[in-house]
Amino acid sequence: MQYVYWFLTNRKFLLLLFLINLLGTIYGYIWYVPQLARTEWFFLPFVPDSPTASLFFTIVLLGFLWKKSWGLFQALAIITLFKYGIWAVVMNLLTLKVTGYLSWEGYMLMASHLGMAIQGLLYAPLYRMKAWHFAAAALWALHNEIIDYVFMQYPVYSQLNLYIREIGYFTFWLSVLAIFLTWYLAVREKRIKWPL
């Protein structure tokens, strides 16, 4: 296990991962351009979920490269990477089930988003977050559910709007799971004393 973390913290690997996430983030924001063009300005920060998650992680990686630990971005990254990584995989599988077809882009999205979820969890032992970082990130994740499924700013994708109530319910519990995993892997294991 020590060899794995030596590899994950190797500067060349961190730089490569930083560039991959940076490019993925840019691609993600471009993918959202049609939806953002018809989104009211005050919802804009909450609509492009996956690219914002990878942006948080890109900032975390930049911190690692600069030998800095930015706990708030680490908390935001692990919760949102896991949540939207798993969400996109499940939604593409649902699209395949509903339509009987998934384009190559859909399979690419599944692979890249699964990678998002995994990388967020892999780096969890290296995160140094405080209780308020964790609480703020948890609030961000749950607030995003309200924006997506009460104000109906969820990602527009295929025919998933036919199941939006069920998807909203699933996404809420996925947020709860992501918050719990963050607490378990990056807060509890660090023996942070509550409250801070």
N, C-alpha and C. Protein backbone atom coordinates (compact mmCIF):
# COMPACT_ATOMS: atom_id res chain seq x y z
N MET A 1 0.82 -1.21 0.00
CA MET A 1 0.00 0.00 0.00
C MET A 1 0.86 1.27 0.00
N GLN A 2 1.98 1.20 0.67
CA GLN A 2 2.87 2.36 0.72
C GLN A 2 3.39 2.69 -0.68
N TYR A 3 3.64 1.64 -1.50
CA TYR A 3 4.10 1.86 -2.86
C TYR A 3 3.04 2.59 -3.67
N VAL A 4 1.77 2.24 -3.44
CA VAL A 4 0.66 2.88 -4.17
C VAL A 4 0.67 4.38 -3.89
N TYR A 5 0.83 4.76 -2.60
CA TYR A 5 0.81 6.18 -2.27
C TYR A 5 2.09 6.90 -2.68
N TRP A 6 3.18 6.16 -2.76
CA TRP A 6 4.39 6.76 -3.33
C TRP A 6 4.12 7.12 -4.79
N PHE A 7 3.46 6.21 -5.51
CA PHE A 7 3.14 6.45 -6.93
C PHE A 7 2.15 7.61 -7.07
N LEU A 8 1.09 7.61 -6.23
CA LEU A 8 0.06 8.64 -6.32
C LEU A 8 0.59 10.03 -6.00
N THR A 9 1.65 10.11 -5.20
CA THR A 9 2.21 11.41 -4.83
C THR A 9 3.45 11.78 -5.63
N ASN A 10 3.83 10.93 -6.57
CA ASN A 10 4.96 11.23 -7.44
C ASN A 10 4.64 12.48 -8.27
N ARG A 11 5.56 13.43 -8.30
CA ARG A 11 5.29 14.72 -8.96
C ARG A 11 4.92 14.56 -10.43
N LYS A 12 5.58 13.66 -11.13
CA LYS A 12 5.28 13.47 -12.56
C LYS A 12 3.86 12.93 -12.73
N PHE A 13 3.48 11.99 -11.86
CA PHE A 13 2.13 11.44 -11.94
C PHE A 13 1.10 12.50 -11.56
N LEU A 14 1.38 13.29 -10.53
CA LEU A 14 0.48 14.36 -10.12
C LEU A 14 0.29 15.38 -11.24
N LEU A 15 1.38 15.70 -11.92
CA LEU A 15 1.29 16.66 -13.02
C LEU A 15 0.46 16.09 -14.16
N LEU A 16 0.66 14.81 -14.48
CA LEU A 16 -0.13 14.16 -15.53
C LEU A 16 -1.61 14.16 -15.16
N LEU A 17 -1.90 13.79 -13.92
CA LEU A 17 -3.29 13.75 -13.45
C LEU A 17 -3.90 15.15 -13.45
N PHE A 18 -3.10 16.15 -13.07
CA PHE A 18 -3.55 17.54 -13.10
C PHE A 18 -3.96 17.94 -14.52
N LEU A 19 -3.11 17.62 -15.51
CA LEU A 19 -3.40 17.99 -16.90
C LEU A 19 -4.63 17.26 -17.42
N ILE A 20 -4.76 15.97 -17.09
CA ILE A 20 -5.93 15.19 -17.52
C ILE A 20 -7.20 15.79 -16.94
N ASN A 21 -7.18 16.12 -15.65
CA ASN A 21 -8.36 16.70 -15.02
C ASN A 21 -8.65 18.10 -15.53
N LEU A 22 -7.62 18.87 -15.81
CA LEU A 22 -7.82 20.21 -16.35
C LEU A 22 -8.49 20.14 -17.71
N LEU A 23 -7.99 19.26 -18.58
CA LEU A 23 -8.59 19.11 -19.92
C LEU A 23 -10.01 18.56 -19.82
N GLY A 24 -10.22 17.60 -18.92
CA GLY A 24 -11.55 17.05 -18.72
C GLY A 24 -12.52 18.09 -18.21
N THR A 25 -12.03 18.96 -17.33
CA THR A 25 -12.87 20.04 -16.80
C THR A 25 -13.28 21.00 -17.92
N ILE A 26 -12.32 21.39 -18.74
CA ILE A 26 -12.62 22.29 -19.87
C ILE A 26 -13.63 21.65 -20.81
N TYR A 27 -13.41 20.36 -21.15
CA TYR A 27 -14.35 19.64 -22.03
C TYR A 27 -15.74 19.60 -21.38
N GLY A 28 -15.78 19.36 -20.08
CA GLY A 28 -17.06 19.28 -19.37
C GLY A 28 -17.83 20.58 -19.43
N TYR A 29 -17.14 21.69 -19.23
CA TYR A 29 -17.83 22.99 -19.31
C TYR A 29 -18.31 23.27 -20.73
N ILE A 30 -17.53 22.87 -21.72
CA ILE A 30 -17.96 23.04 -23.12
C ILE A 30 -19.22 22.20 -23.37
N TRP A 31 -19.26 20.97 -22.83
CA TRP A 31 -20.41 20.09 -23.01
C TRP A 31 -21.68 20.74 -22.47
N TYR A 32 -21.56 21.55 -21.41
CA TYR A 32 -22.71 22.18 -20.79
C TYR A 32 -23.12 23.50 -21.44
N VAL A 33 -22.36 23.99 -22.41
CA VAL A 33 -22.62 25.31 -23.00
C VAL A 33 -24.07 25.48 -23.46
N PRO A 34 -24.67 24.51 -24.19
CA PRO A 34 -26.06 24.71 -24.62
C PRO A 34 -27.03 24.90 -23.44
N GLN A 35 -26.84 24.14 -22.37
CA GLN A 35 -27.73 24.29 -21.22
C GLN A 35 -27.43 25.59 -20.47
N LEU A 36 -26.15 25.94 -20.35
CA LEU A 36 -25.79 27.18 -19.66
C LEU A 36 -26.31 28.41 -20.39
N ALA A 37 -26.41 28.32 -21.72
CA ALA A 37 -26.88 29.46 -22.51
C ALA A 37 -28.33 29.82 -22.19
N ARG A 38 -29.11 28.85 -21.71
CA ARG A 38 -30.51 29.15 -21.37
C ARG A 38 -30.77 29.08 -19.86
N THR A 39 -29.69 29.16 -19.09
CA THR A 39 -29.80 29.11 -17.62
C THR A 39 -29.71 30.51 -17.04
N GLU A 40 -30.58 30.81 -16.08
CA GLU A 40 -30.52 32.11 -15.42
C GLU A 40 -29.20 32.24 -14.66
N TRP A 41 -28.66 33.45 -14.61
CA TRP A 41 -27.30 33.67 -14.11
C TRP A 41 -27.09 33.15 -12.70
N PHE A 42 -28.12 33.25 -11.83
CA PHE A 42 -27.92 32.86 -10.43
C PHE A 42 -27.88 31.34 -10.24
N PHE A 43 -28.23 30.56 -11.29
CA PHE A 43 -28.10 29.11 -11.22
C PHE A 43 -26.79 28.61 -11.84
N LEU A 44 -26.08 29.48 -12.53
CA LEU A 44 -24.90 29.05 -13.29
C LEU A 44 -23.86 28.25 -12.47
N PRO A 45 -23.54 28.63 -11.23
CA PRO A 45 -22.52 27.85 -10.50
C PRO A 45 -22.96 26.42 -10.18
N PHE A 46 -24.27 26.14 -10.25
CA PHE A 46 -24.77 24.85 -9.79
C PHE A 46 -25.18 23.91 -10.92
N VAL A 47 -25.11 24.36 -12.16
CA VAL A 47 -25.57 23.53 -13.27
C VAL A 47 -24.50 22.55 -13.77
N PRO A 48 -23.28 23.00 -14.07
CA PRO A 48 -22.28 22.06 -14.61
C PRO A 48 -21.65 21.22 -13.49
N ASP A 49 -22.38 20.20 -13.04
CA ASP A 49 -21.99 19.44 -11.84
C ASP A 49 -20.65 18.72 -11.99
N SER A 50 -20.52 17.88 -13.01
CA SER A 50 -19.29 17.08 -13.14
C SER A 50 -18.04 17.91 -13.40
N PRO A 51 -18.09 18.88 -14.33
CA PRO A 51 -16.87 19.68 -14.51
C PRO A 51 -16.49 20.49 -13.28
N THR A 52 -17.48 20.91 -12.49
CA THR A 52 -17.15 21.63 -11.27
C THR A 52 -16.49 20.70 -10.26
N ALA A 53 -16.95 19.44 -10.22
CA ALA A 53 -16.31 18.44 -9.35
C ALA A 53 -14.87 18.21 -9.76
N SER A 54 -14.62 18.07 -11.07
CA SER A 54 -13.24 17.86 -11.51
C SER A 54 -12.40 19.13 -11.36
N LEU A 55 -13.05 20.30 -11.41
CA LEU A 55 -12.33 21.55 -11.13
C LEU A 55 -11.84 21.57 -9.69
N PHE A 56 -12.71 21.17 -8.75
CA PHE A 56 -12.30 21.09 -7.35
C PHE A 56 -11.07 20.19 -7.20
N PHE A 57 -11.10 19.03 -7.88
CA PHE A 57 -9.98 18.10 -7.75
C PHE A 57 -8.73 18.63 -8.45
N THR A 58 -8.91 19.35 -9.54
CA THR A 58 -7.76 19.96 -10.23
C THR A 58 -7.07 20.96 -9.29
N ILE A 59 -7.86 21.70 -8.52
CA ILE A 59 -7.30 22.64 -7.54
C ILE A 59 -6.57 21.88 -6.43
N VAL A 60 -7.15 20.75 -5.99
CA VAL A 60 -6.49 19.91 -4.98
C VAL A 60 -5.14 19.43 -5.49
N LEU A 61 -5.11 18.97 -6.75
CA LEU A 61 -3.85 18.48 -7.34
C LEU A 61 -2.83 19.61 -7.46
N LEU A 62 -3.29 20.79 -7.82
CA LEU A 62 -2.39 21.95 -7.87
C LEU A 62 -1.80 22.21 -6.49
N GLY A 63 -2.64 22.08 -5.47
CA GLY A 63 -2.14 22.23 -4.10
C GLY A 63 -1.07 21.19 -3.77
N PHE A 64 -1.31 19.95 -4.16
CA PHE A 64 -0.31 18.90 -3.91
C PHE A 64 1.01 19.22 -4.63
N LEU A 65 0.90 19.72 -5.85
CA LEU A 65 2.11 20.07 -6.62
C LEU A 65 2.87 21.22 -5.96
N TRP A 66 2.14 22.12 -5.31
CA TRP A 66 2.76 23.25 -4.61
C TRP A 66 3.02 22.96 -3.14
N LYS A 67 2.80 21.67 -2.74
CA LYS A 67 2.98 21.23 -1.35
C LYS A 67 2.07 22.02 -0.39
N LYS A 68 0.84 22.23 -0.85
CA LYS A 68 -0.18 22.90 -0.05
C LYS A 68 -1.34 21.93 0.17
N SER A 69 -2.05 22.13 1.27
CA SER A 69 -3.22 21.31 1.56
C SER A 69 -4.41 22.24 1.76
N TRP A 70 -5.32 22.24 0.78
CA TRP A 70 -6.48 23.11 0.82
C TRP A 70 -7.71 22.26 1.17
N GLY A 71 -7.99 22.22 2.46
CA GLY A 71 -9.00 21.31 2.99
C GLY A 71 -10.40 21.50 2.42
N LEU A 72 -10.81 22.73 2.19
CA LEU A 72 -12.16 22.95 1.67
C LEU A 72 -12.29 22.34 0.28
N PHE A 73 -11.29 22.55 -0.58
CA PHE A 73 -11.35 21.98 -1.92
C PHE A 73 -11.24 20.46 -1.88
N GLN A 74 -10.48 19.94 -0.92
CA GLN A 74 -10.39 18.49 -0.77
C GLN A 74 -11.75 17.90 -0.39
N ALA A 75 -12.46 18.56 0.53
CA ALA A 75 -13.78 18.08 0.94
C ALA A 75 -14.77 18.18 -0.22
N LEU A 76 -14.76 19.30 -0.92
CA LEU A 76 -15.64 19.46 -2.08
C LEU A 76 -15.32 18.43 -3.16
N ALA A 77 -14.02 18.18 -3.36
CA ALA A 77 -13.61 17.25 -4.41
C ALA A 77 -14.07 15.83 -4.13
N ILE A 78 -13.80 15.32 -2.94
CA ILE A 78 -14.13 13.92 -2.67
C ILE A 78 -15.65 13.68 -2.73
N ILE A 79 -16.43 14.59 -2.16
CA ILE A 79 -17.89 14.41 -2.17
C ILE A 79 -18.42 14.49 -3.59
N THR A 80 -18.03 15.52 -4.33
CA THR A 80 -18.62 15.71 -5.65
C THR A 80 -18.05 14.75 -6.69
N LEU A 81 -16.78 14.38 -6.59
CA LEU A 81 -16.23 13.41 -7.53
C LEU A 81 -16.94 12.06 -7.41
N PHE A 82 -17.11 11.61 -6.18
CA PHE A 82 -17.79 10.33 -5.98
C PHE A 82 -19.25 10.43 -6.43
N LYS A 83 -19.92 11.48 -5.96
CA LYS A 83 -21.34 11.63 -6.26
C LYS A 83 -21.61 11.69 -7.76
N TYR A 84 -20.95 12.62 -8.47
CA TYR A 84 -21.25 12.79 -9.89
C TYR A 84 -20.58 11.73 -10.75
N GLY A 85 -19.49 11.15 -10.25
CA GLY A 85 -18.89 10.03 -10.97
C GLY A 85 -19.84 8.85 -11.03
N ILE A 86 -20.36 8.45 -9.88
CA ILE A 86 -21.29 7.32 -9.82
C ILE A 86 -22.61 7.69 -10.49
N TRP A 87 -23.08 8.91 -10.29
CA TRP A 87 -24.33 9.37 -10.90
C TRP A 87 -24.30 9.20 -12.42
N ALA A 88 -23.21 9.66 -13.05
CA ALA A 88 -23.12 9.60 -14.51
C ALA A 88 -23.09 8.15 -15.01
N VAL A 89 -22.41 7.28 -14.29
CA VAL A 89 -22.38 5.87 -14.68
C VAL A 89 -23.80 5.30 -14.63
N VAL A 90 -24.51 5.54 -13.54
CA VAL A 90 -25.87 5.01 -13.38
C VAL A 90 -26.81 5.61 -14.42
N MET A 91 -26.69 6.91 -14.71
CA MET A 91 -27.58 7.55 -15.68
C MET A 91 -27.33 7.03 -17.09
N ASN A 92 -26.09 6.74 -17.43
CA ASN A 92 -25.81 6.18 -18.75
C ASN A 92 -26.33 4.74 -18.85
N LEU A 93 -26.23 3.99 -17.77
CA LEU A 93 -26.81 2.64 -17.77
C LEU A 93 -28.33 2.71 -17.88
N LEU A 94 -28.94 3.70 -17.22
CA LEU A 94 -30.38 3.90 -17.34
C LEU A 94 -30.77 4.28 -18.76
N THR A 95 -29.96 5.14 -19.39
CA THR A 95 -30.20 5.51 -20.78
C THR A 95 -30.16 4.28 -21.67
N LEU A 96 -29.18 3.43 -21.46
CA LEU A 96 -29.06 2.19 -22.24
C LEU A 96 -30.29 1.31 -22.04
N LYS A 97 -30.76 1.22 -20.81
CA LYS A 97 -31.94 0.40 -20.50
C LYS A 97 -33.20 0.97 -21.15
N VAL A 98 -33.36 2.31 -21.08
CA VAL A 98 -34.58 2.96 -21.58
C VAL A 98 -34.62 2.97 -23.11
N THR A 99 -33.49 3.31 -23.72
CA THR A 99 -33.46 3.48 -25.18
C THR A 99 -32.96 2.25 -25.93
N GLY A 100 -32.27 1.36 -25.21
CA GLY A 100 -31.68 0.19 -25.88
C GLY A 100 -30.41 0.52 -26.64
N TYR A 101 -29.92 1.76 -26.47
CA TYR A 101 -28.74 2.18 -27.22
C TYR A 101 -27.95 3.19 -26.39
N LEU A 102 -26.63 3.10 -26.49
CA LEU A 102 -25.76 4.10 -25.88
C LEU A 102 -24.63 4.40 -26.85
N SER A 103 -24.45 5.67 -27.16
CA SER A 103 -23.41 6.07 -28.11
C SER A 103 -22.03 5.85 -27.52
N TRP A 104 -21.02 5.97 -28.36
CA TRP A 104 -19.65 5.81 -27.88
C TRP A 104 -19.33 6.91 -26.85
N GLU A 105 -19.96 8.10 -27.03
CA GLU A 105 -19.75 9.16 -26.05
C GLU A 105 -20.28 8.76 -24.68
N GLY A 106 -21.41 8.03 -24.68
CA GLY A 106 -21.98 7.56 -23.43
C GLY A 106 -21.04 6.61 -22.70
N TYR A 107 -20.42 5.70 -23.46
CA TYR A 107 -19.46 4.77 -22.85
C TYR A 107 -18.22 5.51 -22.38
N MET A 108 -17.81 6.53 -23.15
CA MET A 108 -16.66 7.34 -22.75
C MET A 108 -16.97 8.11 -21.46
N LEU A 109 -18.20 8.63 -21.37
CA LEU A 109 -18.61 9.33 -20.16
C LEU A 109 -18.64 8.39 -18.96
N MET A 110 -19.09 7.17 -19.17
CA MET A 110 -19.11 6.19 -18.08
C MET A 110 -17.70 5.93 -17.56
N ALA A 111 -16.77 5.70 -18.49
CA ALA A 111 -15.38 5.40 -18.10
C ALA A 111 -14.74 6.59 -17.39
N SER A 112 -14.91 7.79 -17.95
CA SER A 112 -14.26 8.97 -17.36
C SER A 112 -14.87 9.31 -16.00
N HIS A 113 -16.18 9.14 -15.86
CA HIS A 113 -16.81 9.46 -14.58
C HIS A 113 -16.52 8.40 -13.52
N LEU A 114 -16.39 7.16 -13.92
CA LEU A 114 -15.96 6.14 -12.96
C LEU A 114 -14.56 6.47 -12.47
N GLY A 115 -13.70 6.93 -13.38
CA GLY A 115 -12.36 7.37 -13.00
C GLY A 115 -12.41 8.54 -12.01
N MET A 116 -13.36 9.45 -12.21
CA MET A 116 -13.53 10.57 -11.26
C MET A 116 -13.80 10.05 -9.86
N ALA A 117 -14.76 9.13 -9.76
CA ALA A 117 -15.14 8.59 -8.45
C ALA A 117 -13.97 7.90 -7.78
N ILE A 118 -13.23 7.11 -8.55
CA ILE A 118 -12.12 6.34 -8.00
C ILE A 118 -11.00 7.25 -7.53
N GLN A 119 -10.64 8.25 -8.34
CA GLN A 119 -9.51 9.11 -7.95
C GLN A 119 -9.84 9.93 -6.71
N GLY A 120 -11.09 10.34 -6.58
CA GLY A 120 -11.48 11.07 -5.38
C GLY A 120 -11.27 10.25 -4.12
N LEU A 121 -11.63 8.96 -4.17
CA LEU A 121 -11.48 8.08 -3.02
C LEU A 121 -10.03 7.68 -2.78
N LEU A 122 -9.28 7.47 -3.87
CA LEU A 122 -7.88 7.04 -3.72
C LEU A 122 -7.04 8.04 -2.93
N TYR A 123 -7.32 9.32 -3.14
CA TYR A 123 -6.50 10.35 -2.49
C TYR A 123 -7.01 10.72 -1.09
N ALA A 124 -8.13 10.10 -0.67
CA ALA A 124 -8.73 10.45 0.62
C ALA A 124 -7.76 10.41 1.80
N PRO A 125 -6.88 9.40 1.92
CA PRO A 125 -5.97 9.38 3.06
C PRO A 125 -4.99 10.55 3.11
N LEU A 126 -4.84 11.25 1.99
CA LEU A 126 -3.90 12.37 1.93
C LEU A 126 -4.57 13.71 2.25
N TYR A 127 -5.90 13.71 2.32
CA TYR A 127 -6.61 14.96 2.57
C TYR A 127 -6.44 15.40 4.01
N ARG A 128 -6.39 16.72 4.21
CA ARG A 128 -6.28 17.30 5.54
C ARG A 128 -7.37 18.34 5.68
N MET A 129 -8.57 17.88 5.99
CA MET A 129 -9.69 18.81 6.09
C MET A 129 -10.14 18.98 7.53
N LYS A 130 -10.67 20.14 7.81
CA LYS A 130 -11.24 20.41 9.12
C LYS A 130 -12.74 20.13 9.09
N ALA A 131 -13.33 20.11 10.27
CA ALA A 131 -14.75 19.81 10.37
C ALA A 131 -15.59 20.79 9.55
N TRP A 132 -15.21 22.07 9.57
CA TRP A 132 -16.02 23.04 8.84
C TRP A 132 -15.87 22.86 7.33
N HIS A 133 -14.71 22.39 6.87
CA HIS A 133 -14.54 22.08 5.44
C HIS A 133 -15.54 20.99 5.04
N PHE A 134 -15.58 19.93 5.86
CA PHE A 134 -16.49 18.82 5.61
C PHE A 134 -17.94 19.28 5.64
N ALA A 135 -18.31 20.09 6.64
CA ALA A 135 -19.69 20.56 6.76
C ALA A 135 -20.08 21.44 5.57
N ALA A 136 -19.19 22.32 5.15
CA ALA A 136 -19.49 23.21 4.02
C ALA A 136 -19.65 22.41 2.73
N ALA A 137 -18.81 21.41 2.52
CA ALA A 137 -18.91 20.59 1.31
C ALA A 137 -20.19 19.75 1.31
N ALA A 138 -20.56 19.23 2.49
CA ALA A 138 -21.80 18.46 2.61
C ALA A 138 -23.00 19.36 2.30
N LEU A 139 -22.97 20.59 2.81
CA LEU A 139 -24.05 21.54 2.54
C LEU A 139 -24.13 21.87 1.05
N TRP A 140 -22.98 22.06 0.42
CA TRP A 140 -22.93 22.32 -1.02
C TRP A 140 -23.61 21.18 -1.79
N ALA A 141 -23.28 19.94 -1.44
CA ALA A 141 -23.83 18.78 -2.15
C ALA A 141 -25.35 18.70 -1.99
N LEU A 142 -25.85 18.91 -0.79
CA LEU A 142 -27.29 18.82 -0.55
C LEU A 142 -28.02 20.02 -1.16
N HIS A 143 -27.39 21.19 -1.10
CA HIS A 143 -27.97 22.39 -1.73
C HIS A 143 -28.11 22.18 -3.22
N ASN A 144 -27.14 21.51 -3.82
CA ASN A 144 -27.17 21.26 -5.26
C ASN A 144 -28.38 20.40 -5.64
N GLU A 145 -28.78 19.48 -4.74
CA GLU A 145 -29.98 18.67 -4.98
C GLU A 145 -31.21 19.55 -5.11
N ILE A 146 -31.30 20.57 -4.24
CA ILE A 146 -32.44 21.49 -4.29
C ILE A 146 -32.45 22.25 -5.62
N ILE A 147 -31.28 22.75 -6.01
CA ILE A 147 -31.18 23.47 -7.28
C ILE A 147 -31.58 22.57 -8.45
N ASP A 148 -31.07 21.33 -8.46
CA ASP A 148 -31.31 20.42 -9.58
C ASP A 148 -32.75 19.93 -9.65
N TYR A 149 -33.33 19.54 -8.50
CA TYR A 149 -34.59 18.81 -8.55
C TYR A 149 -35.78 19.54 -7.94
N VAL A 150 -35.57 20.72 -7.37
CA VAL A 150 -36.68 21.59 -6.98
C VAL A 150 -36.80 22.72 -8.01
N PHE A 151 -35.65 23.33 -8.36
CA PHE A 151 -35.64 24.39 -9.36
C PHE A 151 -35.40 23.85 -10.77
N MET A 152 -35.31 22.52 -10.88
CA MET A 152 -35.24 21.80 -12.16
C MET A 152 -34.08 22.24 -13.05
N GLN A 153 -32.89 22.33 -12.45
CA GLN A 153 -31.68 22.69 -13.18
C GLN A 153 -30.78 21.47 -13.41
N TYR A 154 -31.36 20.28 -13.33
CA TYR A 154 -30.60 19.04 -13.49
C TYR A 154 -29.99 18.95 -14.90
N PRO A 155 -28.94 18.13 -15.05
CA PRO A 155 -28.31 18.00 -16.37
C PRO A 155 -29.30 17.41 -17.39
N VAL A 156 -29.41 18.07 -18.54
CA VAL A 156 -30.29 17.60 -19.61
C VAL A 156 -29.54 16.50 -20.36
N TYR A 157 -30.12 15.28 -20.34
CA TYR A 157 -29.42 14.16 -20.96
C TYR A 157 -30.43 13.12 -21.43
N SER A 158 -30.43 12.87 -22.72
CA SER A 158 -31.25 11.81 -23.32
C SER A 158 -32.71 11.94 -22.88
N GLN A 159 -33.33 10.82 -22.48
CA GLN A 159 -34.75 10.82 -22.10
C GLN A 159 -34.92 10.70 -20.59
N LEU A 160 -33.91 11.09 -19.85
CA LEU A 160 -33.95 10.90 -18.40
C LEU A 160 -34.98 11.79 -17.72
N ASN A 161 -35.44 12.84 -18.39
CA ASN A 161 -36.46 13.69 -17.79
C ASN A 161 -37.75 12.92 -17.51
N LEU A 162 -37.93 11.77 -18.18
CA LEU A 162 -39.12 10.95 -17.94
C LEU A 162 -39.11 10.34 -16.54
N TYR A 163 -37.94 10.28 -15.92
CA TYR A 163 -37.79 9.64 -14.61
C TYR A 163 -37.22 10.60 -13.57
N ILE A 164 -37.52 11.89 -13.73
CA ILE A 164 -36.81 12.88 -12.95
C ILE A 164 -37.09 12.78 -11.45
N ARG A 165 -38.29 12.39 -11.07
CA ARG A 165 -38.58 12.25 -9.63
C ARG A 165 -37.76 11.12 -9.02
N GLU A 166 -37.70 9.99 -9.72
CA GLU A 166 -36.92 8.86 -9.22
C GLU A 166 -35.43 9.19 -9.20
N ILE A 167 -34.97 9.89 -10.24
CA ILE A 167 -33.56 10.28 -10.30
C ILE A 167 -33.22 11.25 -9.17
N GLY A 168 -34.12 12.19 -8.90
CA GLY A 168 -33.90 13.13 -7.79
C GLY A 168 -33.79 12.41 -6.46
N TYR A 169 -34.64 11.41 -6.25
CA TYR A 169 -34.61 10.65 -5.00
C TYR A 169 -33.31 9.85 -4.90
N PHE A 170 -32.93 9.19 -6.00
CA PHE A 170 -31.67 8.44 -6.03
C PHE A 170 -30.48 9.36 -5.76
N THR A 171 -30.49 10.55 -6.37
CA THR A 171 -29.36 11.47 -6.24
C THR A 171 -29.22 11.97 -4.81
N PHE A 172 -30.35 12.20 -4.14
CA PHE A 172 -30.29 12.61 -2.73
C PHE A 172 -29.54 11.56 -1.91
N TRP A 173 -29.91 10.29 -2.07
CA TRP A 173 -29.27 9.24 -1.28
C TRP A 173 -27.83 9.01 -1.71
N LEU A 174 -27.53 9.28 -2.98
CA LEU A 174 -26.15 9.20 -3.43
C LEU A 174 -25.32 10.29 -2.75
N SER A 175 -25.89 11.47 -2.57
CA SER A 175 -25.21 12.54 -1.83
C SER A 175 -24.94 12.12 -0.39
N VAL A 176 -25.94 11.51 0.24
CA VAL A 176 -25.78 11.05 1.61
C VAL A 176 -24.64 10.03 1.69
N LEU A 177 -24.58 9.10 0.73
CA LEU A 177 -23.50 8.11 0.70
C LEU A 177 -22.15 8.79 0.51
N ALA A 178 -22.07 9.76 -0.40
CA ALA A 178 -20.81 10.47 -0.65
C ALA A 178 -20.36 11.22 0.60
N ILE A 179 -21.30 11.83 1.30
CA ILE A 179 -20.97 12.55 2.54
C ILE A 179 -20.47 11.58 3.60
N PHE A 180 -21.15 10.44 3.73
CA PHE A 180 -20.72 9.44 4.71
C PHE A 180 -19.32 8.90 4.39
N LEU A 181 -19.07 8.58 3.11
CA LEU A 181 -17.75 8.07 2.72
C LEU A 181 -16.66 9.11 3.01
N THR A 182 -16.96 10.36 2.76
CA THR A 182 -15.99 11.43 3.05
C THR A 182 -15.70 11.48 4.54
N TRP A 183 -16.75 11.45 5.33
CA TRP A 183 -16.55 11.45 6.79
C TRP A 183 -15.73 10.24 7.21
N TYR A 184 -16.05 9.07 6.68
CA TYR A 184 -15.39 7.84 7.11
C TYR A 184 -13.92 7.81 6.67
N LEU A 185 -13.65 8.20 5.43
CA LEU A 185 -12.30 8.07 4.87
C LEU A 185 -11.38 9.26 5.16
N ALA A 186 -11.96 10.44 5.25
CA ALA A 186 -11.10 11.63 5.33
C ALA A 186 -11.27 12.43 6.62
N VAL A 187 -12.29 12.12 7.40
CA VAL A 187 -12.49 12.84 8.66
C VAL A 187 -12.31 11.89 9.84
N ARG A 188 -13.11 10.85 9.91
CA ARG A 188 -13.05 9.90 11.03
C ARG A 188 -11.67 9.29 11.17
N GLU A 189 -11.09 8.84 10.06
CA GLU A 189 -9.80 8.16 10.10
C GLU A 189 -8.67 9.10 10.52
N LYS A 190 -8.88 10.39 10.36
CA LYS A 190 -7.85 11.36 10.78
C LYS A 190 -8.02 11.72 12.26
N ARG A 191 -9.07 11.17 12.87
CA ARG A 191 -9.35 11.41 14.28
C ARG A 191 -9.49 12.91 14.57
N ILE A 192 -10.15 13.60 13.69
CA ILE A 192 -10.45 15.01 13.95
C ILE A 192 -11.43 15.10 15.10
N LYS A 193 -11.13 15.94 16.06
CA LYS A 193 -12.01 16.06 17.22
C LYS A 193 -13.18 16.98 16.90
N TRP A 194 -14.35 16.54 17.22
CA TRP A 194 -15.56 17.31 16.96
C TRP A 194 -16.02 17.96 18.26
N PRO A 195 -16.53 19.20 18.25
CA PRO A 195 -16.47 20.10 17.10
C PRO A 195 -15.14 20.85 17.08
N LEU A 196 -14.78 21.31 15.88
CA LEU A 196 -13.54 22.11 15.76
C LEU A 196 -13.89 23.58 15.75
